[in-house]
Amino acid sequence: MSATAWPPSLHSIGSKALGGAEPWVQRFAGALSERGAPAAVAVRAGGALAQLDLGGLPVHALPFRSVRDLWSRRAVRRAFQQTQPDIVQTYMDRATRLTRLAAG
């Protein structure tokens, strides 16, 4: 598949500290970028991942405070509207539970 045929993606992770998923997101999103695939990353504002080099990818720093936090849900929705991804990949529980996409 050529790089121009890759659909845009958004990778969302809401953790505070670094564990196994955070370095994976950094490597995976970086690899997509190196191959010319349009990708963006949504991370927890002030979290450890927000401090790392994400290879020049667009980074959306979101609250990701709790799974019941309406402010965070709105921020996630805005990130989707700005990036308009065809693929949304969430990592860890918080980002997954805050992700609400319309059918279709």
PDB file of N, CA and C in Angstrom:
ATOM      1  N   MET A   1       0.859  -1.173   0.000  1.00  0.00           N
ATOM      2  CA  MET A   1       0.000   0.000   0.000  1.00  0.00           C
ATOM      3  C   MET A   1       0.902   1.232   0.000  1.00  0.00           C
ATOM      4  N   SER A   2       0.646   2.147  -0.876  1.00  0.00           N
ATOM      5  CA  SER A   2       1.440   3.370  -0.915  1.00  0.00           C
ATOM      6  C   SER A   2       1.041   4.290   0.231  1.00  0.00           C
ATOM      7  N   ALA A   3       1.964   5.170   0.621  1.00  0.00           N
ATOM      8  CA  ALA A   3       1.711   6.063   1.754  1.00  0.00           C
ATOM      9  C   ALA A   3       0.535   6.990   1.494  1.00  0.00           C
ATOM     10  N   THR A   4       0.327   7.376   0.235  1.00  0.00           N
ATOM     11  CA  THR A   4      -0.775   8.291  -0.056  1.00  0.00           C
ATOM     12  C   THR A   4      -2.132   7.619   0.100  1.00  0.00           C
ATOM     13  N   ALA A   5      -2.168   6.291   0.112  1.00  0.00           N
ATOM     14  CA  ALA A   5      -3.427   5.565   0.239  1.00  0.00           C
ATOM     15  C   ALA A   5      -3.781   5.279   1.699  1.00  0.00           C
ATOM     16  N   TRP A   6      -2.920   5.624   2.621  1.00  0.00           N
ATOM     17  CA  TRP A   6      -3.169   5.332   4.030  1.00  0.00           C
ATOM     18  C   TRP A   6      -4.250   6.262   4.563  1.00  0.00           C
ATOM     19  N   PRO A   7      -5.214   5.724   5.272  1.00  0.00           N
ATOM     20  CA  PRO A   7      -6.251   6.585   5.863  1.00  0.00           C
ATOM     21  C   PRO A   7      -5.705   7.310   7.098  1.00  0.00           C
ATOM     22  N   PRO A   8      -6.223   8.488   7.399  1.00  0.00           N
ATOM     23  CA  PRO A   8      -5.788   9.210   8.601  1.00  0.00           C
ATOM     24  C   PRO A   8      -6.224   8.478   9.863  1.00  0.00           C
ATOM     25  N   SER A   9      -5.386   8.557  10.896  1.00  0.00           N
ATOM     26  CA  SER A   9      -5.699   7.876  12.151  1.00  0.00           C
ATOM     27  C   SER A   9      -5.442   8.796  13.340  1.00  0.00           C
ATOM     28  N   LEU A  10      -6.158   8.503  14.424  1.00  0.00           N
ATOM     29  CA  LEU A  10      -5.969   9.195  15.699  1.00  0.00           C
ATOM     30  C   LEU A  10      -5.728   8.136  16.751  1.00  0.00           C
ATOM     31  N   HIS A  11      -4.648   8.294  17.504  1.00  0.00           N
ATOM     32  CA  HIS A  11      -4.259   7.354  18.558  1.00  0.00           C
ATOM     33  C   HIS A  11      -4.444   8.057  19.889  1.00  0.00           C
ATOM     34  N   SER A  12      -5.317   7.516  20.726  1.00  0.00           N
ATOM     35  CA  SER A  12      -5.738   8.182  21.952  1.00  0.00           C
ATOM     36  C   SER A  12      -5.359   7.356  23.178  1.00  0.00           C
ATOM     37  N   ILE A  13      -4.630   8.003  24.103  1.00  0.00           N
ATOM     38  CA  ILE A  13      -4.210   7.326  25.339  1.00  0.00           C
ATOM     39  C   ILE A  13      -4.260   8.349  26.474  1.00  0.00           C
ATOM     40  N   GLY A  14      -4.912   7.988  27.573  1.00  0.00           N
ATOM     41  CA  GLY A  14      -5.156   8.949  28.639  1.00  0.00           C
ATOM     42  C   GLY A  14      -4.408   8.705  29.935  1.00  0.00           C
ATOM     43  N   SER A  15      -3.308   7.981  29.905  1.00  0.00           N
ATOM     44  CA  SER A  15      -2.606   7.656  31.145  1.00  0.00           C
ATOM     45  C   SER A  15      -1.681   8.779  31.612  1.00  0.00           C
ATOM     46  N   LYS A  16      -1.424   8.800  32.926  1.00  0.00           N
ATOM     47  CA  LYS A  16      -0.535   9.813  33.519  1.00  0.00           C
ATOM     48  C   LYS A  16       0.930   9.430  33.371  1.00  0.00           C
ATOM     49  N   ALA A  17       1.246   8.174  33.654  1.00  0.00           N
ATOM     50  CA  ALA A  17       2.640   7.725  33.716  1.00  0.00           C
ATOM     51  C   ALA A  17       2.974   6.816  32.537  1.00  0.00           C
ATOM     52  N   LEU A  18       4.257   6.538  32.382  1.00  0.00           N
ATOM     53  CA  LEU A  18       4.701   5.637  31.331  1.00  0.00           C
ATOM     54  C   LEU A  18       4.626   4.193  31.809  1.00  0.00           C
ATOM     55  N   GLY A  19       4.108   3.356  30.951  1.00  0.00           N
ATOM     56  CA  GLY A  19       4.062   1.915  31.181  1.00  0.00           C
ATOM     57  C   GLY A  19       4.421   1.249  29.870  1.00  0.00           C
ATOM     58  N   GLY A  20       3.727   0.190  29.526  1.00  0.00           N
ATOM     59  CA  GLY A  20       4.006  -0.508  28.281  1.00  0.00           C
ATOM     60  C   GLY A  20       3.321   0.099  27.075  1.00  0.00           C
ATOM     61  N   ALA A  21       2.106   0.597  27.257  1.00  0.00           N
ATOM     62  CA  ALA A  21       1.333   1.117  26.126  1.00  0.00           C
ATOM     63  C   ALA A  21       1.892   2.439  25.609  1.00  0.00           C
ATOM     64  N   GLU A  22       2.402   3.263  26.484  1.00  0.00           N
ATOM     65  CA  GLU A  22       2.855   4.601  26.089  1.00  0.00           C
ATOM     66  C   GLU A  22       4.055   4.539  25.131  1.00  0.00           C
ATOM     67  N   PRO A  23       5.107   3.768  25.429  1.00  0.00           N
ATOM     68  CA  PRO A  23       6.198   3.659  24.457  1.00  0.00           C
ATOM     69  C   PRO A  23       5.740   3.022  23.137  1.00  0.00           C
ATOM     70  N   TRP A  24       4.766   2.106  23.224  1.00  0.00           N
ATOM     71  CA  TRP A  24       4.227   1.510  21.996  1.00  0.00           C
ATOM     72  C   TRP A  24       3.572   2.581  21.119  1.00  0.00           C
ATOM     73  N   VAL A  25       2.749   3.437  21.723  1.00  0.00           N
ATOM     74  CA  VAL A  25       2.099   4.502  20.959  1.00  0.00           C
ATOM     75  C   VAL A  25       3.162   5.397  20.334  1.00  0.00           C
ATOM     76  N   GLN A  26       4.186   5.731  21.088  1.00  0.00           N
ATOM     77  CA  GLN A  26       5.256   6.583  20.570  1.00  0.00           C
ATOM     78  C   GLN A  26       5.932   5.925  19.370  1.00  0.00           C
ATOM     79  N   ARG A  27       6.271   4.642  19.481  1.00  0.00           N
ATOM     80  CA  ARG A  27       6.938   3.945  18.371  1.00  0.00           C
ATOM     81  C   ARG A  27       6.008   3.756  17.174  1.00  0.00           C
ATOM     82  N   PHE A  28       4.772   3.333  17.436  1.00  0.00           N
ATOM     83  CA  PHE A  28       3.839   3.031  16.363  1.00  0.00           C
ATOM     84  C   PHE A  28       3.455   4.296  15.585  1.00  0.00           C
ATOM     85  N   ALA A  29       3.092   5.350  16.303  1.00  0.00           N
ATOM     86  CA  ALA A  29       2.729   6.600  15.640  1.00  0.00           C
ATOM     87  C   ALA A  29       3.929   7.168  14.885  1.00  0.00           C
ATOM     88  N   GLY A  30       5.115   7.042  15.464  1.00  0.00           N
ATOM     89  CA  GLY A  30       6.331   7.491  14.782  1.00  0.00           C
ATOM     90  C   GLY A  30       6.591   6.714  13.503  1.00  0.00           C
ATOM     91  N   ALA A  31       6.359   5.403  13.539  1.00  0.00           N
ATOM     92  CA  ALA A  31       6.551   4.568  12.351  1.00  0.00           C
ATOM     93  C   ALA A  31       5.549   4.943  11.260  1.00  0.00           C
ATOM     94  N   LEU A  32       4.315   5.222  11.652  1.00  0.00           N
ATOM     95  CA  LEU A  32       3.324   5.673  10.671  1.00  0.00           C
ATOM     96  C   LEU A  32       3.784   6.963  10.011  1.00  0.00           C
ATOM     97  N   SER A  33       4.249   7.892  10.824  1.00  0.00           N
ATOM     98  CA  SER A  33       4.700   9.181  10.319  1.00  0.00           C
ATOM     99  C   SER A  33       5.873   9.025   9.353  1.00  0.00           C
ATOM    100  N   GLU A  34       6.811   8.171   9.708  1.00  0.00           N
ATOM    101  CA  GLU A  34       7.981   7.946   8.849  1.00  0.00           C
ATOM    102  C   GLU A  34       7.588   7.393   7.486  1.00  0.00           C
ATOM    103  N   ARG A  35       6.474   6.699   7.427  1.00  0.00           N
ATOM    104  CA  ARG A  35       6.007   6.116   6.164  1.00  0.00           C
ATOM    105  C   ARG A  35       5.001   7.012   5.449  1.00  0.00           C
ATOM    106  N   GLY A  36       4.799   8.216   5.975  1.00  0.00           N
ATOM    107  CA  GLY A  36       3.926   9.174   5.328  1.00  0.00           C
ATOM    108  C   GLY A  36       2.451   8.984   5.624  1.00  0.00           C
ATOM    109  N   ALA A  37       2.127   8.173   6.607  1.00  0.00           N
ATOM    110  CA  ALA A  37       0.726   7.950   6.970  1.00  0.00           C
ATOM    111  C   ALA A  37       0.252   9.087   7.868  1.00  0.00           C
ATOM    112  N   PRO A  38      -0.860   9.724   7.540  1.00  0.00           N
ATOM    113  CA  PRO A  38      -1.362  10.809   8.384  1.00  0.00           C
ATOM    114  C   PRO A  38      -1.865  10.265   9.718  1.00  0.00           C
ATOM    115  N   ALA A  39      -1.269  10.735  10.796  1.00  0.00           N
ATOM    116  CA  ALA A  39      -1.645  10.272  12.133  1.00  0.00           C
ATOM    117  C   ALA A  39      -1.552  11.429  13.108  1.00  0.00           C
ATOM    118  N   ALA A  40      -2.372  11.354  14.155  1.00  0.00           N
ATOM    119  CA  ALA A  40      -2.333  12.326  15.244  1.00  0.00           C
ATOM    120  C   ALA A  40      -2.437  11.534  16.546  1.00  0.00           C
ATOM    121  N   VAL A  41      -2.023  12.164  17.641  1.00  0.00           N
ATOM    122  CA  VAL A  41      -2.032  11.507  18.940  1.00  0.00           C
ATOM    123  C   VAL A  41      -2.776  12.385  19.935  1.00  0.00           C
ATOM    124  N   ALA A  42      -3.668  11.774  20.711  1.00  0.00           N
ATOM    125  CA  ALA A  42      -4.348  12.467  21.804  1.00  0.00           C
ATOM    126  C   ALA A  42      -3.803  11.893  23.107  1.00  0.00           C
ATOM    127  N   VAL A  43      -3.220  12.753  23.938  1.00  0.00           N
ATOM    128  CA  VAL A  43      -2.596  12.324  25.186  1.00  0.00           C
ATOM    129  C   VAL A  43      -3.161  13.118  26.354  1.00  0.00           C
ATOM    130  N   ARG A  44      -2.907  12.646  27.551  1.00  0.00           N
ATOM    131  CA  ARG A  44      -3.342  13.348  28.746  1.00  0.00           C
ATOM    132  C   ARG A  44      -2.470  14.580  28.967  1.00  0.00           C
ATOM    133  N   ALA A  45      -3.098  15.730  29.081  1.00  0.00           N
ATOM    134  CA  ALA A  45      -2.368  16.972  29.339  1.00  0.00           C
ATOM    135  C   ALA A  45      -1.579  16.835  30.635  1.00  0.00           C
ATOM    136  N   GLY A  46      -0.294  17.137  30.591  1.00  0.00           N
ATOM    137  CA  GLY A  46       0.561  17.042  31.762  1.00  0.00           C
ATOM    138  C   GLY A  46       1.060  15.644  32.055  1.00  0.00           C
ATOM    139  N   GLY A  47       0.621  14.656  31.281  1.00  0.00           N
ATOM    140  CA  GLY A  47       1.066  13.282  31.476  1.00  0.00           C
ATOM    141  C   GLY A  47       2.464  13.063  30.920  1.00  0.00           C
ATOM    142  N   ALA A  48       3.046  11.933  31.255  1.00  0.00           N
ATOM    143  CA  ALA A  48       4.413  11.631  30.832  1.00  0.00           C
ATOM    144  C   ALA A  48       4.532  11.544  29.314  1.00  0.00           C
ATOM    145  N   LEU A  49       3.537  10.999  28.639  1.00  0.00           N
ATOM    146  CA  LEU A  49       3.611  10.865  27.183  1.00  0.00           C
ATOM    147  C   LEU A  49       3.603  12.227  26.496  1.00  0.00           C
ATOM    148  N   ALA A  50       2.946  13.197  27.092  1.00  0.00           N
ATOM    149  CA  ALA A  50       2.911  14.546  26.522  1.00  0.00           C
ATOM    150  C   ALA A  50       4.303  15.181  26.510  1.00  0.00           C
ATOM    151  N   GLN A  51       5.213  14.666  27.325  1.00  0.00           N
ATOM    152  CA  GLN A  51       6.568  15.216  27.420  1.00  0.00           C
ATOM    153  C   GLN A  51       7.528  14.564  26.430  1.00  0.00           C
ATOM    154  N   LEU A  52       7.129  13.463  25.792  1.00  0.00           N
ATOM    155  CA  LEU A  52       8.024  12.730  24.908  1.00  0.00           C
ATOM    156  C   LEU A  52       7.967  13.273  23.481  1.00  0.00           C
ATOM    157  N   ASP A  53       9.020  12.991  22.729  1.00  0.00           N
ATOM    158  CA  ASP A  53       9.075  13.364  21.315  1.00  0.00           C
ATOM    159  C   ASP A  53       8.194  12.390  20.537  1.00  0.00           C
ATOM    160  N   LEU A  54       7.189  12.900  19.886  1.00  0.00           N
ATOM    161  CA  LEU A  54       6.284  12.069  19.104  1.00  0.00           C
ATOM    162  C   LEU A  54       6.508  12.270  17.609  1.00  0.00           C
ATOM    163  N   GLY A  55       7.732  12.560  17.246  1.00  0.00           N
ATOM    164  CA  GLY A  55       8.122  12.607  15.846  1.00  0.00           C
ATOM    165  C   GLY A  55       7.454  13.682  15.019  1.00  0.00           C
ATOM    166  N   GLY A  56       7.058  14.766  15.645  1.00  0.00           N
ATOM    167  CA  GLY A  56       6.434  15.847  14.899  1.00  0.00           C
ATOM    168  C   GLY A  56       4.962  15.624  14.573  1.00  0.00           C
ATOM    169  N   LEU A  57       4.378  14.580  15.114  1.00  0.00           N
ATOM    170  CA  LEU A  57       2.951  14.328  14.885  1.00  0.00           C
ATOM    171  C   LEU A  57       2.108  15.379  15.592  1.00  0.00           C
ATOM    172  N   PRO A  58       0.934  15.682  15.047  1.00  0.00           N
ATOM    173  CA  PRO A  58       0.026  16.566  15.775  1.00  0.00           C
ATOM    174  C   PRO A  58      -0.374  15.915  17.101  1.00  0.00           C
ATOM    175  N   VAL A  59      -0.246  16.666  18.183  1.00  0.00           N
ATOM    176  CA  VAL A  59      -0.564  16.140  19.507  1.00  0.00           C
ATOM    177  C   VAL A  59      -1.696  16.974  20.099  1.00  0.00           C
ATOM    178  N   HIS A  60      -2.729  16.305  20.560  1.00  0.00           N
ATOM    179  CA  HIS A  60      -3.857  16.948  21.228  1.00  0.00           C
ATOM    180  C   HIS A  60      -3.731  16.621  22.716  1.00  0.00           C
ATOM    181  N   ALA A  61      -3.454  17.626  23.538  1.00  0.00           N
ATOM    182  CA  ALA A  61      -3.365  17.438  24.986  1.00  0.00           C
ATOM    183  C   ALA A  61      -4.771  17.611  25.569  1.00  0.00           C
ATOM    184  N   LEU A  62      -5.339  16.528  26.080  1.00  0.00           N
ATOM    185  CA  LEU A  62      -6.721  16.509  26.561  1.00  0.00           C
ATOM    186  C   LEU A  62      -6.760  16.256  28.063  1.00  0.00           C
ATOM    187  N   PRO A  63      -7.858  16.626  28.726  1.00  0.00           N
ATOM    188  CA  PRO A  63      -7.923  16.462  30.179  1.00  0.00           C
ATOM    189  C   PRO A  63      -7.835  15.002  30.637  1.00  0.00           C
ATOM    190  N   PHE A  64      -8.601  14.110  30.038  1.00  0.00           N
ATOM    191  CA  PHE A  64      -8.646  12.702  30.430  1.00  0.00           C
ATOM    192  C   PHE A  64      -8.679  12.539  31.948  1.00  0.00           C
ATOM    193  N   ARG A  65      -9.560  13.295  32.633  1.00  0.00           N
ATOM    194  CA  ARG A  65      -9.604  13.252  34.094  1.00  0.00           C
ATOM    195  C   ARG A  65     -10.277  11.994  34.622  1.00  0.00           C
ATOM    196  N   SER A  66     -11.459  11.688  34.133  1.00  0.00           N
ATOM    197  CA  SER A  66     -12.146  10.475  34.564  1.00  0.00           C
ATOM    198  C   SER A  66     -13.096  10.046  33.464  1.00  0.00           C
ATOM    199  N   VAL A  67     -13.560   8.808  33.537  1.00  0.00           N
ATOM    200  CA  VAL A  67     -14.427   8.294  32.480  1.00  0.00           C
ATOM    201  C   VAL A  67     -15.813   8.920  32.514  1.00  0.00           C
ATOM    202  N   ARG A  68     -16.167   9.594  33.592  1.00  0.00           N
ATOM    203  CA  ARG A  68     -17.474  10.256  33.696  1.00  0.00           C
ATOM    204  C   ARG A  68     -17.395  11.772  33.507  1.00  0.00           C
ATOM    205  N   ASP A  69     -16.251  12.256  33.128  1.00  0.00           N
ATOM    206  CA  ASP A  69     -15.995  13.681  33.007  1.00  0.00           C
ATOM    207  C   ASP A  69     -16.498  14.208  31.655  1.00  0.00           C
ATOM    208  N   LEU A  70     -17.555  15.012  31.679  1.00  0.00           N
ATOM    209  CA  LEU A  70     -18.128  15.546  30.444  1.00  0.00           C
ATOM    210  C   LEU A  70     -17.170  16.489  29.717  1.00  0.00           C
ATOM    211  N   TRP A  71     -16.375  17.236  30.468  1.00  0.00           N
ATOM    212  CA  TRP A  71     -15.398  18.145  29.866  1.00  0.00           C
ATOM    213  C   TRP A  71     -14.403  17.351  29.013  1.00  0.00           C
ATOM    214  N   SER A  72     -13.951  16.215  29.517  1.00  0.00           N
ATOM    215  CA  SER A  72     -13.015  15.378  28.767  1.00  0.00           C
ATOM    216  C   SER A  72     -13.679  14.793  27.521  1.00  0.00           C
ATOM    217  N   ARG A  73     -14.931  14.382  27.643  1.00  0.00           N
ATOM    218  CA  ARG A  73     -15.639  13.849  26.469  1.00  0.00           C
ATOM    219  C   ARG A  73     -15.754  14.894  25.373  1.00  0.00           C
ATOM    220  N   ARG A  74     -16.029  16.132  25.756  1.00  0.00           N
ATOM    221  CA  ARG A  74     -16.101  17.219  24.767  1.00  0.00           C
ATOM    222  C   ARG A  74     -14.739  17.451  24.113  1.00  0.00           C
ATOM    223  N   ALA A  75     -13.687  17.386  24.910  1.00  0.00           N
ATOM    224  CA  ALA A  75     -12.336  17.590  24.376  1.00  0.00           C
ATOM    225  C   ALA A  75     -11.962  16.473  23.403  1.00  0.00           C
ATOM    226  N   VAL A  76     -12.342  15.257  23.721  1.00  0.00           N
ATOM    227  CA  VAL A  76     -12.096  14.129  22.820  1.00  0.00           C
ATOM    228  C   VAL A  76     -12.866  14.342  21.517  1.00  0.00           C
ATOM    229  N   ARG A  77     -14.115  14.742  21.618  1.00  0.00           N
ATOM    230  CA  ARG A  77     -14.935  14.992  20.425  1.00  0.00           C
ATOM    231  C   ARG A  77     -14.310  16.085  19.547  1.00  0.00           C
ATOM    232  N   ARG A  78     -13.787  17.144  20.169  1.00  0.00           N
ATOM    233  CA  ARG A  78     -13.134  18.214  19.399  1.00  0.00           C
ATOM    234  C   ARG A  78     -11.888  17.699  18.671  1.00  0.00           C
ATOM    235  N   ALA A  79     -11.126  16.850  19.327  1.00  0.00           N
ATOM    236  CA  ALA A  79      -9.936  16.277  18.681  1.00  0.00           C
ATOM    237  C   ALA A  79     -10.340  15.454  17.462  1.00  0.00           C
ATOM    238  N   PHE A  80     -11.444  14.702  17.569  1.00  0.00           N
ATOM    239  CA  PHE A  80     -11.929  13.937  16.419  1.00  0.00           C
ATOM    240  C   PHE A  80     -12.357  14.873  15.295  1.00  0.00           C
ATOM    241  N   GLN A  81     -13.056  15.938  15.634  1.00  0.00           N
ATOM    242  CA  GLN A  81     -13.523  16.877  14.616  1.00  0.00           C
ATOM    243  C   GLN A  81     -12.357  17.559  13.915  1.00  0.00           C
ATOM    244  N   GLN A  82     -11.292  17.847  14.667  1.00  0.00           N
ATOM    245  CA  GLN A  82     -10.132  18.516  14.071  1.00  0.00           C
ATOM    246  C   GLN A  82      -9.337  17.581  13.168  1.00  0.00           C
ATOM    247  N   THR A  83      -9.185  16.335  13.553  1.00  0.00           N
ATOM    248  CA  THR A  83      -8.357  15.406  12.773  1.00  0.00           C
ATOM    249  C   THR A  83      -9.160  14.648  11.723  1.00  0.00           C
ATOM    250  N   GLN A  84     -10.437  14.470  11.938  1.00  0.00           N
ATOM    251  CA  GLN A  84     -11.320  13.712  11.046  1.00  0.00           C
ATOM    252  C   GLN A  84     -10.685  12.392  10.609  1.00  0.00           C
ATOM    253  N   PRO A  85     -10.323  11.535  11.581  1.00  0.00           N
ATOM    254  CA  PRO A  85      -9.656  10.280  11.236  1.00  0.00           C
ATOM    255  C   PRO A  85     -10.630   9.227  10.700  1.00  0.00           C
ATOM    256  N   ASP A  86     -10.128   8.378   9.830  1.00  0.00           N
ATOM    257  CA  ASP A  86     -10.887   7.203   9.403  1.00  0.00           C
ATOM    258  C   ASP A  86     -10.713   6.071  10.408  1.00  0.00           C
ATOM    259  N   ILE A  87      -9.573   6.085  11.091  1.00  0.00           N
ATOM    260  CA  ILE A  87      -9.254   5.052  12.083  1.00  0.00           C
ATOM    261  C   ILE A  87      -9.014   5.727  13.424  1.00  0.00           C
ATOM    262  N   VAL A  88      -9.662   5.219  14.463  1.00  0.00           N
ATOM    263  CA  VAL A  88      -9.433   5.688  15.828  1.00  0.00           C
ATOM    264  C   VAL A  88      -8.955   4.498  16.638  1.00  0.00           C
ATOM    265  N   GLN A  89      -7.753   4.618  17.179  1.00  0.00           N
ATOM    266  CA  GLN A  89      -7.195   3.561  18.021  1.00  0.00           C
ATOM    267  C   GLN A  89      -7.076   4.102  19.431  1.00  0.00           C
ATOM    268  N   THR A  90      -7.752   3.449  20.377  1.00  0.00           N
ATOM    269  CA  THR A  90      -7.638   3.864  21.773  1.00  0.00           C
ATOM    270  C   THR A  90      -6.790   2.845  22.520  1.00  0.00           C
ATOM    271  N   TYR A  91      -6.087   3.354  23.517  1.00  0.00           N
ATOM    272  CA  TYR A  91      -5.218   2.521  24.342  1.00  0.00           C
ATOM    273  C   TYR A  91      -5.602   2.770  25.795  1.00  0.00           C
ATOM    274  N   MET A  92      -5.733   1.739  26.533  1.00  0.00           N
ATOM    275  CA  MET A  92      -6.042   1.817  27.956  1.00  0.00           C
ATOM    276  C   MET A  92      -7.516   2.179  28.164  1.00  0.00           C
ATOM    277  N   ASP A  93      -7.985   1.951  29.345  1.00  0.00           N
ATOM    278  CA  ASP A  93      -9.403   2.059  29.675  1.00  0.00           C
ATOM    279  C   ASP A  93      -9.962   3.469  29.566  1.00  0.00           C
ATOM    280  N   ARG A  94      -9.257   4.448  30.088  1.00  0.00           N
ATOM    281  CA  ARG A  94      -9.797   5.816  30.155  1.00  0.00           C
ATOM    282  C   ARG A  94     -10.083   6.377  28.768  1.00  0.00           C
ATOM    283  N   ALA A  95      -9.143   6.286  27.870  1.00  0.00           N
ATOM    284  CA  ALA A  95      -9.338   6.814  26.511  1.00  0.00           C
ATOM    285  C   ALA A  95     -10.452   6.056  25.799  1.00  0.00           C
ATOM    286  N   THR A  96     -10.510   4.755  26.019  1.00  0.00           N
ATOM    287  CA  THR A  96     -11.535   3.944  25.360  1.00  0.00           C
ATOM    288  C   THR A  96     -12.926   4.324  25.838  1.00  0.00           C
ATOM    289  N   ARG A  97     -13.107   4.497  27.139  1.00  0.00           N
ATOM    290  CA  ARG A  97     -14.421   4.823  27.682  1.00  0.00           C
ATOM    291  C   ARG A  97     -14.882   6.242  27.344  1.00  0.00           C
ATOM    292  N   LEU A  98     -13.943   7.140  27.096  1.00  0.00           N
ATOM    293  CA  LEU A  98     -14.298   8.514  26.745  1.00  0.00           C
ATOM    294  C   LEU A  98     -14.571   8.682  25.250  1.00  0.00           C
ATOM    295  N   THR A  99     -14.305   7.664  24.481  1.00  0.00           N
ATOM    296  CA  THR A  99     -14.485   7.726  23.033  1.00  0.00           C
ATOM    297  C   THR A  99     -15.905   7.334  22.673  1.00  0.00           C
ATOM    298  N   ARG A 100     -16.630   8.255  22.107  1.00  0.00           N
ATOM    299  CA  ARG A 100     -18.016   8.031  21.662  1.00  0.00           C
ATOM    300  C   ARG A 100     -18.097   8.478  20.214  1.00  0.00           C
ATOM    301  N   LEU A 101     -18.242   7.524  19.318  1.00  0.00           N
ATOM    302  CA  LEU A 101     -18.327   7.846  17.904  1.00  0.00           C
ATOM    303  C   LEU A 101     -19.712   7.485  17.391  1.00  0.00           C
ATOM    304  N   ALA A 102     -20.208   8.286  16.494  1.00  0.00           N
ATOM    305  CA  ALA A 102     -21.507   8.006  15.882  1.00  0.00           C
ATOM    306  C   ALA A 102     -21.382   6.791  14.967  1.00  0.00           C
ATOM    307  N   ALA A 103     -22.431   6.023  14.870  1.00  0.00           N
ATOM    308  CA  ALA A 103     -22.424   4.860  13.981  1.00  0.00           C
ATOM    309  C   ALA A 103     -22.192   5.305  12.550  1.00  0.00           C
ATOM    310  N   GLY A 104     -21.415   4.520  11.837  1.00  0.00           N
ATOM    311  CA  GLY A 104     -21.160   4.810  10.423  1.00  0.00           C
ATOM    312  C   GLY A 104     -20.073   5.802  10.243  1.00  0.00           C
TER     313      GLY A 104
END
